[in-house]
């Protein structure tokens, strides 16, 4: 502030008795940065809307049809559910490399308990959900109580669960026809229904409801505020009365449960129970989270952004396929978006510091 400006501010203070300060957000860049800082999902939303408009202009009704747009939702439902679980962990400044393996082994447990042991399918599904939750709990206990790095813990758990998956299932695939005939509940989340020209599945409905529920919980409950506090600064959170250990364990356990639901949805999506499915879910979930604006440093981001990130990948994949472009262009553009998302996050943190 220059001397004349400073004099005017002092004079105004003397007259009104209220200190006068310059508006830190008066410039466009400052206002834009403030909006990004307050609403982390804004960037992925802008990218998503832009991508939809570009492909809509290029492809017209071929892309803008209700069937094509809901097909994107169907394609990203599994990744979207797993990415929600990954988001919770990353918000605590951790990472979970075992999410894909948890989803697959949960689906294998559901199938094997039904067909190998003859349990009622409802009990088999409950057992699969329990297994996923238990694995997540172990991850959380090792991170929170044993103080092991999340990357190492979940990398090791990924290998353990992957090996256990193949050993337990004997690499056996349960066929779609057998499931449809004897245990259709296993395929429930893949059941399709129409609303006008749009085709949805119950897995898509579950994904949307899950995102809405966790968006509310993270914003409006004490547990949600504790998750952000632990990710931002665990020591400060503990001094403020947050039980960091319980919060971390609960986050990893809930993530395991969500991944188990993803495993159930995976059966509905592919129709069968296969121990070799979902091999890329780890990377795809992290991709959706990063593009969705959740900071890898923890403490900042939103579940809605994760959904937008998953949809961005789906829009690019379908749009480029309809154009007839080589599939490698999808990977190239997604790679650019990942680097760009991290760069934006660093810029927001740097300016906010």
Protein backbone atom coordinates (compact mmCIF):
# COMPACT_ATOMS: atom_id res chain seq x y z
CA UNK A 1 0.00 0.00 0.00
CA UNK A 2 1.41 3.42 -0.97
CA UNK A 3 1.75 6.25 1.56
CA UNK A 4 -1.26 8.26 0.25
CA UNK A 5 -3.39 5.10 0.29
CA UNK A 6 -2.15 4.32 3.77
CA UNK A 7 -3.00 7.86 4.94
CA UNK A 8 -6.53 7.52 3.49
CA UNK A 9 -7.01 4.20 5.25
CA UNK A 10 -5.86 5.71 8.58
CA UNK A 11 -8.17 8.70 8.08
CA UNK A 12 -11.10 6.39 7.35
CA UNK A 13 -10.30 4.40 10.48
CA UNK A 14 -10.19 7.60 12.57
CA UNK A 15 -13.63 8.66 11.32
CA UNK A 16 -15.42 5.30 11.57
CA UNK A 17 -13.47 3.56 14.29
CA UNK A 18 -13.26 0.48 12.03
CA UNK A 19 -10.01 -0.62 10.43
CA UNK A 20 -10.02 -0.56 6.63
CA UNK A 21 -8.14 -3.21 4.63
CA UNK A 22 -7.58 -3.82 0.97
CA UNK A 23 -9.74 -6.58 -0.57
CA UNK A 24 -7.34 -9.50 -1.23
CA UNK A 25 -9.69 -10.97 -3.84
CA UNK A 26 -10.29 -7.90 -5.99
CA UNK A 27 -8.38 -9.22 -9.04
CA UNK A 28 -9.84 -11.87 -11.37
CA UNK A 29 -6.97 -14.29 -10.73
CA UNK A 30 -7.32 -13.82 -6.98
CA UNK A 31 -11.07 -14.36 -7.11
CA UNK A 32 -10.63 -17.43 -9.32
CA UNK A 33 -8.00 -18.85 -7.00
CA UNK A 34 -10.25 -18.22 -4.01
CA UNK A 35 -13.11 -20.05 -5.74
CA UNK A 36 -10.84 -23.03 -6.46
CA UNK A 37 -9.61 -23.08 -2.89
CA UNK A 38 -13.13 -22.99 -1.44
CA UNK A 39 -14.65 -25.35 -4.06
CA UNK A 40 -12.05 -27.98 -5.10
CA UNK A 41 -14.57 -29.75 -7.37
CA UNK A 42 -14.85 -26.65 -9.57
CA UNK A 43 -11.88 -27.51 -11.82
CA UNK A 44 -13.00 -31.06 -12.68
CA UNK A 45 -16.55 -29.78 -13.21
CA UNK A 46 -15.28 -27.19 -15.71
CA UNK A 47 -13.22 -29.86 -17.49
CA UNK A 48 -16.18 -32.28 -17.55
CA UNK A 49 -18.62 -29.72 -18.97
CA UNK A 50 -16.04 -28.59 -21.55
CA UNK A 51 -15.37 -32.17 -22.66
CA UNK A 52 -19.09 -32.91 -22.99
CA UNK A 53 -19.62 -29.75 -25.06
CA UNK A 54 -16.62 -30.46 -27.34
CA UNK A 55 -17.65 -34.04 -28.06
CA UNK A 56 -21.26 -32.91 -28.38
CA UNK A 57 -20.29 -30.43 -31.09
CA UNK A 58 -18.10 -32.99 -32.88
CA UNK A 59 -20.54 -35.90 -32.68
CA UNK A 60 -23.94 -34.28 -32.31
CA UNK A 61 -26.84 -36.55 -31.35
CA UNK A 62 -24.58 -39.58 -31.54
CA UNK A 63 -22.97 -38.40 -28.30
CA UNK A 64 -25.78 -36.35 -26.77
CA UNK A 65 -28.33 -39.17 -26.89
CA UNK A 66 -29.67 -40.34 -23.49
CA UNK A 67 -28.35 -43.83 -24.20
CA UNK A 68 -24.78 -42.62 -24.86
CA UNK A 69 -24.68 -40.37 -21.80
CA UNK A 70 -26.02 -43.05 -19.46
CA UNK A 71 -23.62 -45.55 -21.05
CA UNK A 72 -20.81 -43.40 -19.61
CA UNK A 73 -22.33 -43.83 -16.15
CA UNK A 74 -22.51 -47.59 -16.63
CA UNK A 75 -18.88 -47.74 -17.76
CA UNK A 76 -17.53 -45.76 -14.79
CA UNK A 77 -19.73 -47.21 -12.03
CA UNK A 78 -17.12 -49.69 -10.73
CA UNK A 79 -14.24 -47.22 -10.92
CA UNK A 80 -16.48 -44.55 -9.39
CA UNK A 81 -17.35 -46.69 -6.36
CA UNK A 82 -13.73 -47.73 -5.78
CA UNK A 83 -12.58 -44.14 -6.29
CA UNK A 84 -14.91 -43.01 -3.49
CA UNK A 85 -13.12 -45.45 -1.17
CA UNK A 86 -9.76 -44.20 -2.41
CA UNK A 87 -10.89 -40.60 -1.82
CA UNK A 88 -11.52 -41.21 1.88
CA UNK A 89 -8.03 -42.61 2.33
CA UNK A 90 -6.31 -39.87 0.32
CA UNK A 91 -8.17 -37.19 2.28
CA UNK A 92 -6.25 -38.47 5.33
CA UNK A 93 -2.97 -38.01 3.38
CA UNK A 94 -2.73 -41.76 2.80
CA UNK A 95 -3.15 -44.02 -0.22
CA UNK A 96 -4.63 -47.49 -0.68
CA UNK A 97 -3.08 -49.66 -3.36
CA UNK A 98 -5.17 -52.66 -2.31
CA UNK A 99 -8.62 -51.30 -3.25
CA UNK A 100 -8.86 -53.28 -6.49
CA UNK A 101 -7.73 -56.52 -4.88
CA UNK A 102 -10.24 -56.04 -2.03
CA UNK A 103 -13.07 -55.57 -4.53
CA UNK A 104 -12.12 -58.71 -6.46
CA UNK A 105 -11.62 -61.00 -3.46
CA UNK A 106 -14.93 -59.79 -2.01
CA UNK A 107 -16.68 -60.80 -5.22
CA UNK A 108 -14.87 -64.17 -5.20
CA UNK A 109 -15.97 -64.80 -1.60
CA UNK A 110 -19.58 -64.01 -2.54
CA UNK A 111 -19.45 -66.42 -5.46
CA UNK A 112 -17.54 -69.23 -3.75
CA UNK A 113 -19.64 -69.12 -0.57
CA UNK A 114 -22.74 -69.45 -2.74
CA UNK A 115 -21.61 -72.18 -5.14
CA UNK A 116 -18.89 -74.05 -3.22
CA UNK A 117 -20.47 -74.09 0.23
CA UNK A 118 -24.13 -73.78 -0.74
CA UNK A 119 -24.85 -70.82 1.54
CA UNK A 120 -27.89 -68.65 0.84
CA UNK A 121 -26.83 -65.89 -1.52
CA UNK A 122 -27.83 -63.16 0.98
CA UNK A 123 -25.44 -64.61 3.56
CA UNK A 124 -22.72 -65.01 0.94
CA UNK A 125 -23.02 -61.34 -0.03
CA UNK A 126 -22.86 -60.34 3.65
CA UNK A 127 -19.72 -62.49 4.07
CA UNK A 128 -18.09 -60.78 1.09
CA UNK A 129 -18.88 -57.35 2.53
CA UNK A 130 -17.46 -58.46 5.89
CA UNK A 131 -14.23 -59.71 4.30
CA UNK A 132 -13.70 -56.39 2.51
CA UNK A 133 -14.32 -54.45 5.72
CA UNK A 134 -11.94 -56.70 7.68
CA UNK A 135 -9.11 -56.22 5.19
CA UNK A 136 -9.63 -52.46 5.33
CA UNK A 137 -9.61 -52.62 9.13
CA UNK A 138 -6.25 -54.42 9.10
CA UNK A 139 -4.84 -51.77 6.75
CA UNK A 140 -6.06 -49.03 9.09
CA UNK A 141 -4.70 -50.75 12.19
CA UNK A 142 -1.24 -51.15 10.63
CA UNK A 143 -1.23 -47.49 9.57
CA UNK A 144 -2.75 -45.94 12.70
CA UNK A 145 -1.45 -48.17 15.49
CA UNK A 146 1.78 -49.64 14.10
CA UNK A 147 2.60 -46.29 12.39
CA UNK A 148 3.59 -47.97 9.12
CA UNK A 149 3.52 -45.91 5.89
CA UNK A 150 0.17 -46.31 4.04
CA UNK A 151 1.95 -46.87 0.72
CA UNK A 152 3.98 -49.80 2.06
CA UNK A 153 1.09 -51.31 4.04
CA UNK A 154 -1.36 -51.29 1.15
CA UNK A 155 1.28 -52.37 -1.38
CA UNK A 156 1.97 -55.41 0.77
CA UNK A 157 -1.75 -56.03 1.36
CA UNK A 158 -2.36 -55.81 -2.38
CA UNK A 159 0.12 -58.64 -2.96
CA UNK A 160 -1.26 -60.71 -0.07
CA UNK A 161 -4.89 -60.33 -1.11
CA UNK A 162 -4.08 -60.92 -4.79
CA UNK A 163 -2.24 -64.15 -3.98
CA UNK A 164 -4.97 -65.23 -1.53
CA UNK A 165 -7.57 -64.52 -4.18
CA UNK A 166 -5.98 -66.88 -6.73
CA UNK A 167 -5.14 -69.56 -4.15
CA UNK A 168 -8.64 -69.57 -2.65
CA UNK A 169 -10.50 -69.51 -5.96
CA UNK A 170 -8.07 -71.91 -7.69
CA UNK A 171 -8.31 -69.44 -10.56
CA UNK A 172 -11.86 -70.67 -11.17
CA UNK A 173 -14.43 -68.47 -12.90
CA UNK A 174 -18.10 -68.89 -12.02
CA UNK A 175 -20.04 -68.57 -15.24
CA UNK A 176 -22.67 -65.95 -15.88
CA UNK A 177 -25.27 -68.57 -16.86
CA UNK A 178 -24.86 -70.40 -13.54
CA UNK A 179 -25.21 -67.17 -11.56
CA UNK A 180 -28.29 -66.07 -13.50
CA UNK A 181 -29.93 -69.46 -12.94
CA UNK A 182 -29.04 -70.18 -9.31
CA UNK A 183 -28.03 -66.87 -7.64
CA UNK A 184 -29.39 -63.86 -9.56
CA UNK A 185 -28.94 -61.65 -6.49
CA UNK A 186 -25.19 -61.66 -7.18
CA UNK A 187 -25.94 -59.83 -10.44
CA UNK A 188 -28.46 -57.45 -8.87
CA UNK A 189 -26.34 -54.28 -9.14
CA UNK A 190 -25.92 -54.96 -12.86
CA UNK A 191 -29.68 -55.10 -13.47
CA UNK A 192 -30.74 -52.51 -16.06
CA UNK A 193 -33.85 -50.37 -16.15
CA UNK A 194 -35.01 -47.61 -18.49
CA UNK A 195 -36.17 -44.06 -17.85
CA UNK A 196 -37.22 -42.71 -21.22
CA UNK A 197 -34.35 -43.37 -23.59
CA UNK A 198 -31.80 -43.57 -20.79
CA UNK A 199 -30.60 -46.94 -19.51
CA UNK A 200 -29.43 -47.18 -15.91
CA UNK A 201 -28.26 -49.98 -13.65
CA UNK A 202 -28.73 -50.36 -9.91
CA UNK A 203 -24.94 -50.10 -9.66
CA UNK A 204 -25.13 -46.59 -11.11
CA UNK A 205 -27.88 -45.70 -8.63
CA UNK A 206 -25.75 -47.08 -5.80
CA UNK A 207 -22.73 -45.04 -6.93
CA UNK A 208 -24.71 -41.80 -7.08
CA UNK A 209 -26.36 -42.43 -3.68
CA UNK A 210 -22.97 -43.31 -2.16
CA UNK A 211 -21.41 -40.08 -3.44
CA UNK A 212 -24.35 -38.01 -2.15
CA UNK A 213 -24.25 -39.71 1.26
CA UNK A 214 -20.51 -39.29 1.79
CA UNK A 215 -20.58 -35.72 0.46
CA UNK A 216 -23.10 -34.92 3.19
CA UNK A 217 -21.23 -36.88 5.89
CA UNK A 218 -17.88 -35.26 5.14
CA UNK A 219 -19.35 -31.77 5.13
CA UNK A 220 -21.91 -31.91 7.93
CA UNK A 221 -20.74 -34.43 10.55
CA UNK A 222 -18.02 -34.44 13.17
CA UNK A 223 -16.49 -37.57 11.66
CA UNK A 224 -16.19 -35.86 8.29
CA UNK A 225 -14.47 -32.83 9.84
CA UNK A 226 -12.10 -35.18 11.68
CA UNK A 227 -11.16 -36.86 8.37
CA UNK A 228 -10.16 -33.51 6.88
CA UNK A 229 -8.37 -32.46 10.07
CA UNK A 230 -6.30 -35.66 10.17
CA UNK A 231 -5.32 -35.21 6.54
CA UNK A 232 -4.41 -31.57 6.98
CA UNK A 233 -2.33 -31.91 10.16
CA UNK A 234 -2.67 -35.04 12.36
CA UNK A 235 -0.69 -33.55 15.25
CA UNK A 236 -2.83 -30.41 15.36
CA UNK A 237 -5.95 -32.56 15.05
CA UNK A 238 -4.89 -34.67 18.02
CA UNK A 239 -4.22 -31.55 20.09
CA UNK A 240 -7.74 -30.39 19.19
CA UNK A 241 -9.23 -33.55 20.67
CA UNK A 242 -9.58 -35.67 17.53
CA UNK A 243 -8.93 -39.39 18.05
CA UNK A 244 -6.58 -39.78 15.10
CA UNK A 245 -6.14 -43.54 15.56
CA UNK A 246 -9.86 -44.31 15.54
CA UNK A 247 -10.46 -41.94 12.64
CA UNK A 248 -7.79 -43.58 10.47
CA UNK A 249 -8.96 -47.11 11.28
CA UNK A 250 -12.57 -46.18 10.52
CA UNK A 251 -11.57 -44.59 7.21
CA UNK A 252 -9.69 -47.68 6.00
CA UNK A 253 -12.44 -50.03 7.25
CA UNK A 254 -15.17 -48.03 5.49
CA UNK A 255 -13.00 -47.93 2.36
CA UNK A 256 -12.76 -51.73 2.52
CA UNK A 257 -16.54 -52.00 2.85
CA UNK A 258 -17.08 -49.70 -0.14
CA UNK A 259 -14.62 -51.77 -2.19
CA UNK A 260 -16.58 -54.89 -1.25
CA UNK A 261 -19.73 -53.25 -2.63
CA UNK A 262 -17.70 -52.48 -5.77
CA UNK A 263 -16.90 -56.20 -5.97
CA UNK A 264 -20.63 -56.98 -5.83
CA UNK A 265 -21.26 -54.40 -8.56
CA UNK A 266 -18.40 -55.94 -10.56
CA UNK A 267 -20.26 -59.27 -10.67
CA UNK A 268 -23.29 -57.48 -12.04
CA UNK A 269 -21.21 -55.57 -14.57
CA UNK A 270 -19.35 -58.55 -16.10
CA UNK A 271 -21.98 -61.14 -15.23
CA UNK A 272 -19.50 -63.67 -13.81
CA UNK A 273 -17.23 -64.09 -10.79
CA UNK A 274 -13.67 -63.94 -12.07
CA UNK A 275 -10.51 -63.74 -9.95
CA UNK A 276 -8.73 -62.02 -12.85
CA UNK A 277 -11.17 -59.09 -13.13
CA UNK A 278 -10.54 -55.56 -11.91
CA UNK A 279 -6.77 -55.65 -12.42
CA UNK A 280 -6.53 -51.90 -13.16
CA UNK A 281 -8.90 -50.63 -10.47
CA UNK A 282 -6.02 -49.40 -8.28
CA UNK A 283 -4.61 -47.09 -10.94
CA UNK A 284 -8.01 -46.09 -12.33
CA UNK A 285 -9.30 -45.11 -8.89
CA UNK A 286 -6.25 -42.96 -8.15
CA UNK A 287 -6.63 -41.37 -11.59
CA UNK A 288 -10.25 -40.41 -10.88
CA UNK A 289 -9.33 -39.02 -7.46
CA UNK A 290 -6.43 -36.90 -8.74
CA UNK A 291 -8.34 -35.55 -11.75
CA UNK A 292 -11.23 -34.91 -9.37
CA UNK A 293 -9.18 -32.35 -7.46
CA UNK A 294 -8.51 -34.21 -4.21
CA UNK A 295 -5.05 -33.30 -2.99
CA UNK A 296 -2.57 -36.15 -2.60
CA UNK A 297 -1.22 -34.24 0.39
CA UNK A 298 -4.53 -34.75 2.21
CA UNK A 299 -7.03 -32.44 3.86
CA UNK A 300 -8.51 -30.87 0.71
CA UNK A 301 -10.99 -32.02 -1.89
CA UNK A 302 -14.51 -33.38 -2.25
CA UNK A 303 -16.23 -36.63 -3.12
CA UNK A 304 -18.20 -34.83 -5.84
CA UNK A 305 -14.88 -33.98 -7.49
CA UNK A 306 -14.02 -37.69 -7.54
CA UNK A 307 -17.27 -38.46 -9.34
CA UNK A 308 -16.50 -35.72 -11.86
CA UNK A 309 -13.01 -37.18 -12.31
CA UNK A 310 -14.41 -40.63 -13.07
CA UNK A 311 -16.92 -39.14 -15.49
CA UNK A 312 -14.17 -37.17 -17.28
CA UNK A 313 -12.34 -40.43 -17.99
CA UNK A 314 -15.60 -41.98 -19.20
CA UNK A 315 -16.42 -39.03 -21.46
CA UNK A 316 -12.97 -39.04 -23.07
CA UNK A 317 -13.04 -42.82 -23.52
CA UNK A 318 -16.47 -42.92 -25.17
CA UNK A 319 -16.01 -39.70 -27.14
CA UNK A 320 -12.71 -40.74 -28.69
CA UNK A 321 -14.07 -44.21 -29.43
CA UNK A 322 -17.07 -42.73 -31.27
CA UNK A 323 -14.75 -40.43 -33.23
CA UNK A 324 -12.71 -43.47 -34.24
CA UNK A 325 -9.47 -42.29 -32.64
CA UNK A 326 -6.80 -44.72 -31.49
CA UNK A 327 -7.28 -45.83 -27.89
CA UNK A 328 -3.79 -44.55 -27.04
CA UNK A 329 -5.08 -40.98 -27.37
CA UNK A 330 -7.27 -41.63 -24.34
CA UNK A 331 -4.25 -42.58 -22.23
CA UNK A 332 -2.34 -39.55 -23.52
CA UNK A 333 -5.10 -37.10 -22.63
CA UNK A 334 -5.73 -38.71 -19.24
CA UNK A 335 -1.99 -38.46 -18.51
CA UNK A 336 -2.04 -34.76 -19.36
CA UNK A 337 -5.07 -34.25 -17.11
CA UNK A 338 -3.35 -36.03 -14.19
CA UNK A 339 -0.25 -33.84 -14.42
CA UNK A 340 -2.41 -30.75 -14.90
CA UNK A 341 -4.55 -31.60 -11.86
CA UNK A 342 -1.49 -31.99 -9.64
CA UNK A 343 -0.04 -28.73 -10.98
CA UNK A 344 -3.29 -26.88 -10.20
CA UNK A 345 -3.33 -28.37 -6.70
CA UNK A 346 0.25 -27.19 -6.10
CA UNK A 347 -0.62 -23.72 -7.39
CA UNK A 348 -3.63 -23.48 -5.08
CA UNK A 349 -1.56 -24.60 -2.07
CA UNK A 350 1.31 -22.25 -2.93
CA UNK A 351 -0.87 -19.17 -3.31
CA UNK A 352 -2.95 -20.06 -0.25
CA UNK A 353 0.14 -20.52 1.92
